N, C-alpha and C. Protein backbone atom coordinates (compact mmCIF):
# COMPACT_ATOMS: atom_id res chain seq x y z
N MET A 1 -6.66 -12.09 -30.23
CA MET A 1 -7.63 -13.23 -30.29
C MET A 1 -8.59 -13.24 -28.81
N PRO A 2 -9.91 -12.71 -28.43
CA PRO A 2 -10.43 -12.70 -27.55
C PRO A 2 -10.50 -14.58 -26.90
N HIS A 3 -10.79 -14.49 -25.96
CA HIS A 3 -10.72 -16.15 -25.79
C HIS A 3 -12.23 -16.63 -26.06
N ASN A 4 -13.42 -15.87 -26.19
CA ASN A 4 -14.33 -16.59 -26.77
C ASN A 4 -14.32 -17.13 -28.30
N GLN A 5 -13.52 -16.48 -28.90
CA GLN A 5 -13.15 -16.94 -30.19
C GLN A 5 -12.19 -17.80 -30.58
N VAL A 6 -11.20 -17.92 -29.64
CA VAL A 6 -10.55 -19.50 -29.66
C VAL A 6 -11.38 -20.27 -29.18
N SER A 7 -11.78 -20.39 -28.31
CA SER A 7 -12.57 -21.72 -27.72
C SER A 7 -13.74 -22.27 -28.75
N GLN A 8 -14.17 -21.16 -29.76
CA GLN A 8 -14.96 -21.34 -30.95
C GLN A 8 -14.50 -21.57 -32.29
N LEU A 9 -13.04 -21.29 -32.49
CA LEU A 9 -12.28 -22.02 -33.66
C LEU A 9 -11.91 -23.59 -33.08
N ASP A 10 -12.04 -23.61 -31.81
CA ASP A 10 -11.09 -24.95 -31.44
C ASP A 10 -12.44 -26.00 -31.50
N LEU A 11 -13.54 -25.42 -31.70
CA LEU A 11 -15.18 -26.14 -31.65
C LEU A 11 -15.07 -26.64 -33.03
N ARG A 12 -14.89 -25.67 -33.91
CA ARG A 12 -14.96 -25.91 -35.13
C ARG A 12 -14.30 -26.94 -35.84
N SER A 13 -12.31 -26.62 -35.41
CA SER A 13 -11.49 -27.28 -36.44
C SER A 13 -11.50 -28.81 -35.67
N GLY A 14 -12.47 -29.40 -34.36
CA GLY A 14 -12.70 -30.60 -33.90
C GLY A 14 -13.76 -31.14 -34.45
N ALA A 15 -15.13 -29.99 -35.02
CA ALA A 15 -15.93 -30.74 -35.67
C ALA A 15 -15.27 -31.06 -36.95
N VAL A 16 -14.66 -30.15 -37.44
CA VAL A 16 -14.26 -30.62 -39.12
C VAL A 16 -13.59 -31.83 -39.09
N ILE A 17 -12.38 -32.30 -37.83
CA ILE A 17 -11.39 -33.62 -37.77
C ILE A 17 -12.66 -34.33 -37.88
N CYS A 18 -13.55 -34.34 -36.78
CA CYS A 18 -14.61 -35.35 -36.91
C CYS A 18 -15.19 -35.75 -38.56
N ALA A 19 -15.56 -34.79 -38.83
CA ALA A 19 -16.46 -34.79 -40.25
C ALA A 19 -15.66 -35.51 -41.00
N LYS A 20 -14.15 -35.16 -41.10
CA LYS A 20 -13.29 -35.59 -41.92
C LYS A 20 -13.18 -37.17 -41.83
N ARG A 21 -12.86 -37.64 -40.54
CA ARG A 21 -12.79 -38.88 -40.15
C ARG A 21 -14.09 -39.63 -40.29
N TYR A 22 -14.93 -39.30 -40.11
CA TYR A 22 -16.17 -40.24 -40.96
C TYR A 22 -16.54 -40.09 -41.90
N ALA A 23 -16.24 -39.43 -42.66
CA ALA A 23 -16.28 -39.24 -44.51
C ALA A 23 -15.61 -39.99 -45.21
N SER A 24 -14.21 -40.27 -44.63
CA SER A 24 -13.26 -40.89 -45.16
C SER A 24 -13.78 -42.43 -44.54
N THR A 25 -14.09 -42.49 -43.80
CA THR A 25 -14.64 -44.22 -43.20
C THR A 25 -15.65 -44.70 -44.09
N ASN A 26 -16.99 -43.87 -44.12
CA ASN A 26 -18.07 -44.11 -44.66
C ASN A 26 -18.94 -43.57 -45.80
N ASN A 27 -18.06 -42.65 -46.40
CA ASN A 27 -18.49 -42.32 -47.69
C ASN A 27 -19.76 -41.69 -47.43
N HIS A 28 -19.78 -40.87 -46.54
CA HIS A 28 -21.36 -40.03 -46.42
C HIS A 28 -20.77 -38.57 -46.09
N ALA A 29 -20.54 -37.95 -47.00
CA ALA A 29 -20.11 -36.46 -46.30
C ALA A 29 -21.45 -35.82 -46.12
N SER A 30 -23.07 -36.00 -46.20
CA SER A 30 -24.01 -35.57 -45.18
C SER A 30 -23.93 -36.08 -43.98
N THR A 31 -23.82 -37.33 -43.83
CA THR A 31 -23.97 -38.20 -42.23
C THR A 31 -22.82 -37.51 -41.49
N ALA A 32 -21.31 -37.01 -42.35
CA ALA A 32 -20.41 -36.49 -41.88
C ALA A 32 -20.88 -34.90 -41.16
N ALA A 33 -21.22 -34.39 -41.94
CA ALA A 33 -21.65 -32.83 -41.35
C ALA A 33 -22.74 -32.82 -40.18
N VAL A 34 -23.41 -34.00 -40.25
CA VAL A 34 -24.45 -34.37 -39.25
C VAL A 34 -23.70 -34.45 -38.10
N ALA A 35 -22.43 -35.25 -38.25
CA ALA A 35 -21.79 -35.99 -37.32
C ALA A 35 -20.99 -34.56 -36.53
N ALA A 36 -20.60 -33.57 -37.30
CA ALA A 36 -19.56 -32.76 -37.13
C ALA A 36 -20.74 -31.74 -36.35
N ARG A 37 -21.68 -31.42 -36.48
CA ARG A 37 -22.79 -30.83 -35.55
C ARG A 37 -22.82 -31.39 -34.26
N ARG A 38 -23.34 -32.26 -34.14
CA ARG A 38 -23.35 -32.75 -33.17
C ARG A 38 -22.16 -33.28 -32.35
N TYR A 39 -21.06 -32.92 -32.84
CA TYR A 39 -19.37 -33.20 -31.68
C TYR A 39 -19.87 -31.78 -31.53
N ALA A 40 -19.92 -30.42 -32.40
CA ALA A 40 -19.88 -29.44 -31.74
C ALA A 40 -20.92 -28.75 -30.84
N LYS A 41 -21.71 -29.46 -31.03
CA LYS A 41 -23.14 -29.37 -29.70
C LYS A 41 -23.27 -29.86 -28.47
N GLU A 42 -22.13 -31.05 -28.41
CA GLU A 42 -21.44 -31.80 -27.58
C GLU A 42 -20.52 -31.21 -26.66
N THR A 43 -19.56 -30.30 -27.60
CA THR A 43 -18.28 -29.81 -26.61
C THR A 43 -19.16 -28.69 -26.46
N GLY A 44 -19.88 -27.80 -27.11
CA GLY A 44 -20.47 -26.39 -26.65
C GLY A 44 -21.35 -26.81 -25.08
N LYS A 45 -22.38 -28.16 -24.93
CA LYS A 45 -22.35 -28.23 -23.80
C LYS A 45 -21.55 -28.53 -22.68
N MET A 46 -20.82 -29.32 -22.93
CA MET A 46 -19.36 -29.78 -21.78
C MET A 46 -18.82 -27.86 -21.30
N MET A 47 -18.59 -27.26 -22.74
CA MET A 47 -18.46 -26.04 -22.19
C MET A 47 -18.59 -25.23 -21.18
N LYS A 48 -20.48 -25.39 -20.93
CA LYS A 48 -21.61 -24.64 -20.44
C LYS A 48 -21.11 -25.32 -19.13
N ILE A 49 -21.40 -26.54 -19.07
CA ILE A 49 -21.31 -27.18 -17.86
C ILE A 49 -20.16 -26.82 -17.30
N LEU A 50 -19.03 -27.15 -17.43
CA LEU A 50 -18.12 -26.44 -17.23
C LEU A 50 -17.74 -24.86 -16.57
N VAL A 51 -18.16 -24.39 -17.47
CA VAL A 51 -18.17 -22.65 -16.57
C VAL A 51 -19.47 -22.66 -15.39
N THR A 52 -20.67 -23.56 -15.94
CA THR A 52 -21.72 -23.16 -14.40
C THR A 52 -21.01 -24.03 -13.24
N ILE A 53 -19.93 -24.97 -13.31
CA ILE A 53 -19.38 -25.20 -12.44
C ILE A 53 -18.34 -24.46 -11.61
N LEU A 54 -17.33 -23.92 -12.54
CA LEU A 54 -16.43 -23.08 -11.87
C LEU A 54 -17.26 -22.01 -11.37
N THR A 55 -17.86 -21.27 -11.68
CA THR A 55 -18.79 -20.06 -11.32
C THR A 55 -19.49 -20.48 -10.27
N VAL A 56 -20.36 -21.52 -9.70
CA VAL A 56 -20.42 -22.74 -8.30
C VAL A 56 -19.33 -22.25 -7.30
N CYS A 57 -18.45 -23.07 -7.44
CA CYS A 57 -17.17 -23.06 -7.05
C CYS A 57 -16.69 -22.04 -6.40
N THR A 58 -16.94 -20.93 -7.46
CA THR A 58 -16.40 -19.50 -6.66
C THR A 58 -16.86 -18.87 -5.44
N LEU A 59 -18.55 -18.67 -6.06
CA LEU A 59 -19.12 -18.35 -5.17
C LEU A 59 -19.19 -18.92 -3.92
N VAL A 60 -19.06 -20.59 -3.58
CA VAL A 60 -19.16 -21.19 -2.91
C VAL A 60 -17.99 -20.85 -1.92
N SER A 61 -16.70 -20.45 -2.42
CA SER A 61 -15.49 -20.37 -1.59
C SER A 61 -15.51 -19.08 -1.08
N THR A 62 -16.15 -18.01 -1.73
CA THR A 62 -16.33 -16.81 -1.24
C THR A 62 -17.78 -16.57 -0.20
N SER A 63 -17.83 -17.32 -0.10
CA SER A 63 -20.07 -17.04 0.52
C SER A 63 -19.43 -17.55 1.94
N GLN A 64 -17.96 -18.26 2.13
CA GLN A 64 -17.89 -18.11 3.39
C GLN A 64 -17.30 -17.45 4.17
N ALA A 65 -16.59 -16.21 3.50
CA ALA A 65 -15.91 -15.08 4.03
C ALA A 65 -16.86 -14.39 4.37
N GLY A 66 -16.21 -13.64 6.01
CA GLY A 66 -17.24 -12.59 6.29
C GLY A 66 -16.45 -11.51 6.15
N VAL A 67 -17.45 -10.24 6.70
CA VAL A 67 -17.11 -8.55 5.65
C VAL A 67 -17.91 -8.27 7.48
N TYR A 68 -16.85 -7.36 7.70
CA TYR A 68 -16.99 -6.70 9.16
C TYR A 68 -16.24 -5.21 9.32
N THR A 69 -17.23 -4.47 9.76
CA THR A 69 -16.77 -2.90 9.62
C THR A 69 -16.94 -2.75 10.85
N ALA A 70 -15.64 -1.78 11.55
CA ALA A 70 -15.26 -1.84 12.88
C ALA A 70 -14.11 -0.96 12.95
N THR A 71 -14.01 -0.37 14.06
CA THR A 71 -12.59 0.63 14.41
C THR A 71 -11.77 -1.00 14.49
N ILE A 72 -10.35 -0.60 14.57
CA ILE A 72 -9.50 -1.44 14.88
C ILE A 72 -8.73 -1.10 16.77
N ASP A 73 -8.95 -2.15 17.19
CA ASP A 73 -8.73 -2.04 19.11
C ASP A 73 -7.19 -2.21 19.28
N ARG A 74 -6.58 -3.05 18.34
CA ARG A 74 -5.25 -3.09 18.45
C ARG A 74 -4.58 -4.06 17.21
N ILE A 75 -3.36 -3.70 16.72
CA ILE A 75 -2.55 -4.69 16.23
C ILE A 75 -1.10 -5.45 16.56
N GLN A 76 -1.18 -7.19 16.31
CA GLN A 76 -0.15 -7.34 16.60
C GLN A 76 0.70 -7.88 15.56
N ALA A 77 2.08 -7.38 15.80
CA ALA A 77 3.09 -7.57 14.66
C ALA A 77 4.22 -8.57 14.75
N GLU A 78 4.18 -9.66 14.42
CA GLU A 78 5.30 -10.62 15.08
C GLU A 78 6.26 -10.53 14.04
N GLY A 79 6.15 -10.60 12.73
CA GLY A 79 7.41 -10.92 11.93
C GLY A 79 6.85 -10.75 10.35
N ILE A 80 7.62 -10.35 9.43
CA ILE A 80 7.25 -10.48 8.12
C ILE A 80 6.61 -11.96 7.46
N GLY A 81 5.88 -12.10 7.54
CA GLY A 81 4.94 -13.27 6.81
C GLY A 81 4.49 -14.12 7.73
N ASP A 82 4.44 -13.91 9.25
CA ASP A 82 4.13 -14.69 9.58
C ASP A 82 3.02 -14.61 10.35
N ASN A 83 2.24 -16.10 11.01
CA ASN A 83 1.01 -16.46 10.96
C ASN A 83 0.03 -15.42 11.72
N PHE A 84 0.90 -14.63 12.88
CA PHE A 84 0.58 -14.10 14.25
C PHE A 84 0.10 -12.44 13.68
N ASN A 85 0.49 -12.06 12.69
CA ASN A 85 0.24 -10.73 12.02
C ASN A 85 -0.75 -10.63 11.98
N VAL A 86 -1.74 -10.02 13.42
CA VAL A 86 -3.36 -9.98 13.08
C VAL A 86 -3.31 -8.34 13.54
N ILE A 87 -4.91 -8.44 13.34
CA ILE A 87 -5.46 -7.32 13.99
C ILE A 87 -6.55 -7.53 14.61
N TYR A 88 -7.10 -6.75 15.40
CA TYR A 88 -8.26 -6.75 16.48
C TYR A 88 -9.34 -6.01 15.99
N PRO A 89 -10.47 -6.41 15.11
CA PRO A 89 -11.23 -5.58 14.90
C PRO A 89 -12.55 -5.39 15.96
N ASN A 90 -12.78 -4.41 16.49
CA ASN A 90 -13.92 -4.21 17.87
C ASN A 90 -15.23 -4.32 17.09
N VAL A 91 -15.30 -5.92 16.83
CA VAL A 91 -16.30 -6.16 16.60
C VAL A 91 -16.60 -7.72 16.91
N ASN A 92 -17.64 -8.42 17.45
CA ASN A 92 -17.68 -9.59 17.90
C ASN A 92 -18.12 -10.40 16.78
N ILE A 93 -16.91 -11.63 16.09
CA ILE A 93 -17.09 -12.42 14.29
C ILE A 93 -17.23 -14.13 15.64
N THR A 94 -18.20 -13.99 14.75
CA THR A 94 -18.72 -15.07 14.70
C THR A 94 -19.34 -16.28 13.79
N ASP A 95 -19.07 -15.68 12.53
CA ASP A 95 -19.05 -16.56 11.56
C ASP A 95 -18.13 -16.23 10.55
N SER A 96 -16.98 -16.70 11.03
CA SER A 96 -15.39 -17.38 10.41
C SER A 96 -15.35 -18.45 10.32
N PRO A 97 -14.88 -19.25 9.13
CA PRO A 97 -14.44 -20.83 9.19
C PRO A 97 -13.66 -21.03 10.22
N CYS A 98 -12.53 -20.45 10.63
CA CYS A 98 -11.50 -20.55 11.61
C CYS A 98 -12.43 -20.03 12.97
N THR A 99 -11.97 -21.60 13.45
CA THR A 99 -11.92 -21.54 15.44
C THR A 99 -11.41 -20.14 15.99
N ARG A 100 -10.24 -19.76 15.40
CA ARG A 100 -9.40 -18.84 16.59
C ARG A 100 -10.08 -17.72 16.18
N THR A 101 -10.65 -17.37 14.92
CA THR A 101 -10.94 -16.16 14.84
C THR A 101 -12.11 -16.04 15.48
N ASN A 102 -13.21 -16.98 15.66
CA ASN A 102 -14.21 -16.44 16.24
C ASN A 102 -14.10 -16.76 18.03
N ASN A 103 -13.25 -17.26 18.23
CA ASN A 103 -12.81 -17.32 19.23
C ASN A 103 -12.46 -15.79 20.44
N GLU A 104 -11.45 -15.43 19.45
CA GLU A 104 -10.44 -14.22 19.83
C GLU A 104 -10.39 -13.41 19.60
N ASN A 105 -11.38 -13.26 17.75
CA ASN A 105 -11.95 -11.96 17.42
C ASN A 105 -10.51 -11.25 16.57
N ARG A 106 -10.00 -12.17 16.10
CA ARG A 106 -8.70 -11.25 15.37
C ARG A 106 -8.96 -11.78 13.30
N LEU A 107 -7.99 -11.35 13.09
CA LEU A 107 -7.62 -11.61 11.64
C LEU A 107 -6.24 -11.38 11.25
N THR A 108 -5.75 -12.61 10.12
CA THR A 108 -4.12 -12.36 10.14
C THR A 108 -4.47 -11.07 8.64
N ILE A 109 -3.24 -10.02 9.10
CA ILE A 109 -2.81 -9.60 7.59
C ILE A 109 -1.86 -10.28 7.44
N LYS A 110 -1.76 -10.46 6.22
CA LYS A 110 -1.04 -10.78 5.20
C LYS A 110 0.45 -10.13 4.28
N ASN A 111 -0.11 -8.57 4.24
CA ASN A 111 1.51 -7.59 3.57
C ASN A 111 1.30 -6.51 4.13
N GLU A 112 2.27 -5.83 3.92
CA GLU A 112 2.61 -4.03 4.15
C GLU A 112 1.30 -3.55 3.70
N ALA A 113 0.96 -3.92 3.00
CA ALA A 113 -0.22 -2.53 2.52
C ALA A 113 -1.42 -2.54 3.58
N GLN A 114 -1.88 -3.72 3.84
CA GLN A 114 -2.94 -3.85 4.60
C GLN A 114 -2.29 -3.71 6.01
N MET A 115 -1.08 -4.04 6.68
CA MET A 115 -0.44 -3.75 7.58
C MET A 115 -0.55 -1.75 7.80
N SER A 116 -0.22 -1.21 6.82
CA SER A 116 -0.26 0.40 6.63
C SER A 116 -2.09 0.84 6.52
N VAL A 117 -2.33 0.27 6.13
CA VAL A 117 -3.95 0.71 6.27
C VAL A 117 -4.53 0.59 7.58
N ALA A 118 -4.11 -0.66 8.25
CA ALA A 118 -4.54 -1.15 9.61
C ALA A 118 -3.87 -0.23 10.86
N LEU A 119 -2.76 0.81 10.87
CA LEU A 119 -2.49 1.33 11.55
C LEU A 119 -2.61 2.32 11.58
N ALA A 120 -2.93 2.78 9.75
CA ALA A 120 -3.67 3.90 10.09
C ALA A 120 -4.94 4.45 10.31
N ALA A 121 -5.91 3.51 10.08
CA ALA A 121 -6.90 3.18 10.98
C ALA A 121 -7.21 3.14 12.65
N LEU A 122 -5.90 2.75 13.12
CA LEU A 122 -5.68 2.67 14.60
C LEU A 122 -5.52 4.00 14.85
N ILE A 123 -4.67 4.56 14.29
CA ILE A 123 -3.95 5.84 14.38
C ILE A 123 -5.12 6.59 14.42
N SER A 124 -6.04 7.01 13.98
CA SER A 124 -6.99 7.53 13.64
C SER A 124 -8.70 7.56 13.80
N ASP A 125 -8.28 6.42 14.70
CA ASP A 125 -9.90 5.50 15.28
C ASP A 125 -10.77 5.67 13.80
N LYS A 126 -10.70 5.53 13.11
CA LYS A 126 -11.42 5.55 11.53
C LYS A 126 -11.70 4.13 11.51
N LYS A 127 -13.46 4.01 11.04
CA LYS A 127 -13.70 2.52 10.57
C LYS A 127 -12.83 2.04 9.30
N VAL A 128 -12.93 0.72 9.42
CA VAL A 128 -12.40 0.14 8.76
C VAL A 128 -13.56 -0.91 8.11
N THR A 129 -13.36 -1.57 6.88
CA THR A 129 -13.92 -2.77 6.31
C THR A 129 -13.23 -3.70 5.88
N ILE A 130 -13.69 -4.88 6.65
CA ILE A 130 -12.43 -6.20 7.05
C ILE A 130 -13.16 -7.22 6.17
N GLN A 131 -12.48 -8.24 5.02
CA GLN A 131 -12.75 -8.85 4.29
C GLN A 131 -12.27 -9.70 4.47
N GLY A 132 -12.92 -11.42 4.94
CA GLY A 132 -11.80 -12.03 5.69
C GLY A 132 -12.26 -13.17 3.73
N SER A 133 -10.80 -14.25 4.04
CA SER A 133 -10.71 -14.36 2.79
C SER A 133 -11.66 -15.70 3.06
N GLY A 134 -12.15 -16.54 4.14
CA GLY A 134 -12.96 -17.78 4.24
C GLY A 134 -11.55 -18.87 4.33
N ASN A 135 -10.17 -18.44 4.23
CA ASN A 135 -9.52 -19.63 4.78
C ASN A 135 -8.76 -19.81 5.97
N CYS A 136 -8.38 -20.59 6.19
CA CYS A 136 -7.79 -20.70 8.06
C CYS A 136 -6.07 -20.51 7.50
N ASN A 137 -5.57 -20.06 8.37
CA ASN A 137 -3.73 -20.29 8.01
C ASN A 137 -3.49 -21.40 8.92
N GLU A 138 -2.36 -21.60 9.16
CA GLU A 138 -1.56 -23.16 10.19
C GLU A 138 -2.13 -22.71 11.83
N ALA A 139 -1.89 -21.29 11.78
CA ALA A 139 -2.48 -21.01 13.02
C ALA A 139 -4.09 -21.08 13.49
N GLY A 140 -4.71 -21.62 12.74
CA GLY A 140 -6.19 -21.54 13.00
C GLY A 140 -6.64 -20.05 12.58
N ILE A 141 -6.20 -19.19 12.34
CA ILE A 141 -6.82 -17.49 12.10
C ILE A 141 -7.45 -17.52 10.46
N GLU A 142 -8.35 -16.80 10.81
CA GLU A 142 -8.72 -16.46 9.06
C GLU A 142 -7.62 -15.20 8.39
N THR A 143 -7.61 -15.14 7.77
CA THR A 143 -6.57 -14.76 7.03
C THR A 143 -7.75 -13.25 6.16
N ALA A 144 -7.42 -12.04 5.88
CA ALA A 144 -8.32 -10.53 5.79
C ALA A 144 -7.70 -10.93 4.22
N ASN A 145 -8.77 -10.80 3.65
CA ASN A 145 -8.45 -10.38 1.47
C ASN A 145 -8.08 -9.24 1.37
N TYR A 146 -9.28 -8.24 2.39
CA TYR A 146 -8.37 -6.47 2.01
C TYR A 146 -9.42 -5.83 3.04
N ILE A 147 -8.81 -4.64 3.21
CA ILE A 147 -9.20 -3.64 4.43
C ILE A 147 -8.96 -2.50 4.22
N MET A 148 -10.44 -1.96 4.06
CA MET A 148 -10.32 -0.75 3.16
C MET A 148 -11.07 0.80 4.87
N ILE A 149 -10.26 1.78 4.42
CA ILE A 149 -10.57 2.37 5.48
C ILE A 149 -11.43 3.51 4.93
N TYR A 150 -12.17 4.41 5.97
CA TYR A 150 -12.93 5.39 5.63
C TYR A 150 -12.40 6.91 6.18
N ARG A 151 -12.45 8.03 5.21
CA ARG A 151 -12.04 9.28 5.95
C ARG A 151 -13.15 9.32 6.95
N ASN A 152 -14.31 9.30 5.97
CA ASN A 152 -15.49 10.33 7.22
C ASN A 152 -16.58 9.33 8.44
N GLN A 153 -15.87 8.10 8.74
CA GLN A 153 -16.79 7.52 9.46
C GLN A 153 -15.38 7.28 10.54
């Protein structure tokens, strides 16, 4: 069942429960229906507000991540999962939320796929696009979200 149908069913069942409780205490079926509609309307408003807040939070968190297109000057590999597995793109990074990334023009790579793409780009002298995650690791270096290599650039 799709997600929106589940939430609609939850709203309806909550409204029915509210209506039954109200009707049993006040013996007014029509007033209970009004209460049920009001409950469903208020719950729907809260859902819209929640979705809006989550959307805004997502946009804010990704808006701090920089996107850089350049060749790779060098790769530093320290060890599996190390914070100093970094790439040095041939670009001046100034908009990272991480001080060491801005000062040293480097980004942490976090997995073997990113390492492979970076190594292929370095060997072939091809441009890559690197999107930062906007998150600083313990070493104060921004982690790369993704690396994309171009065949014809």
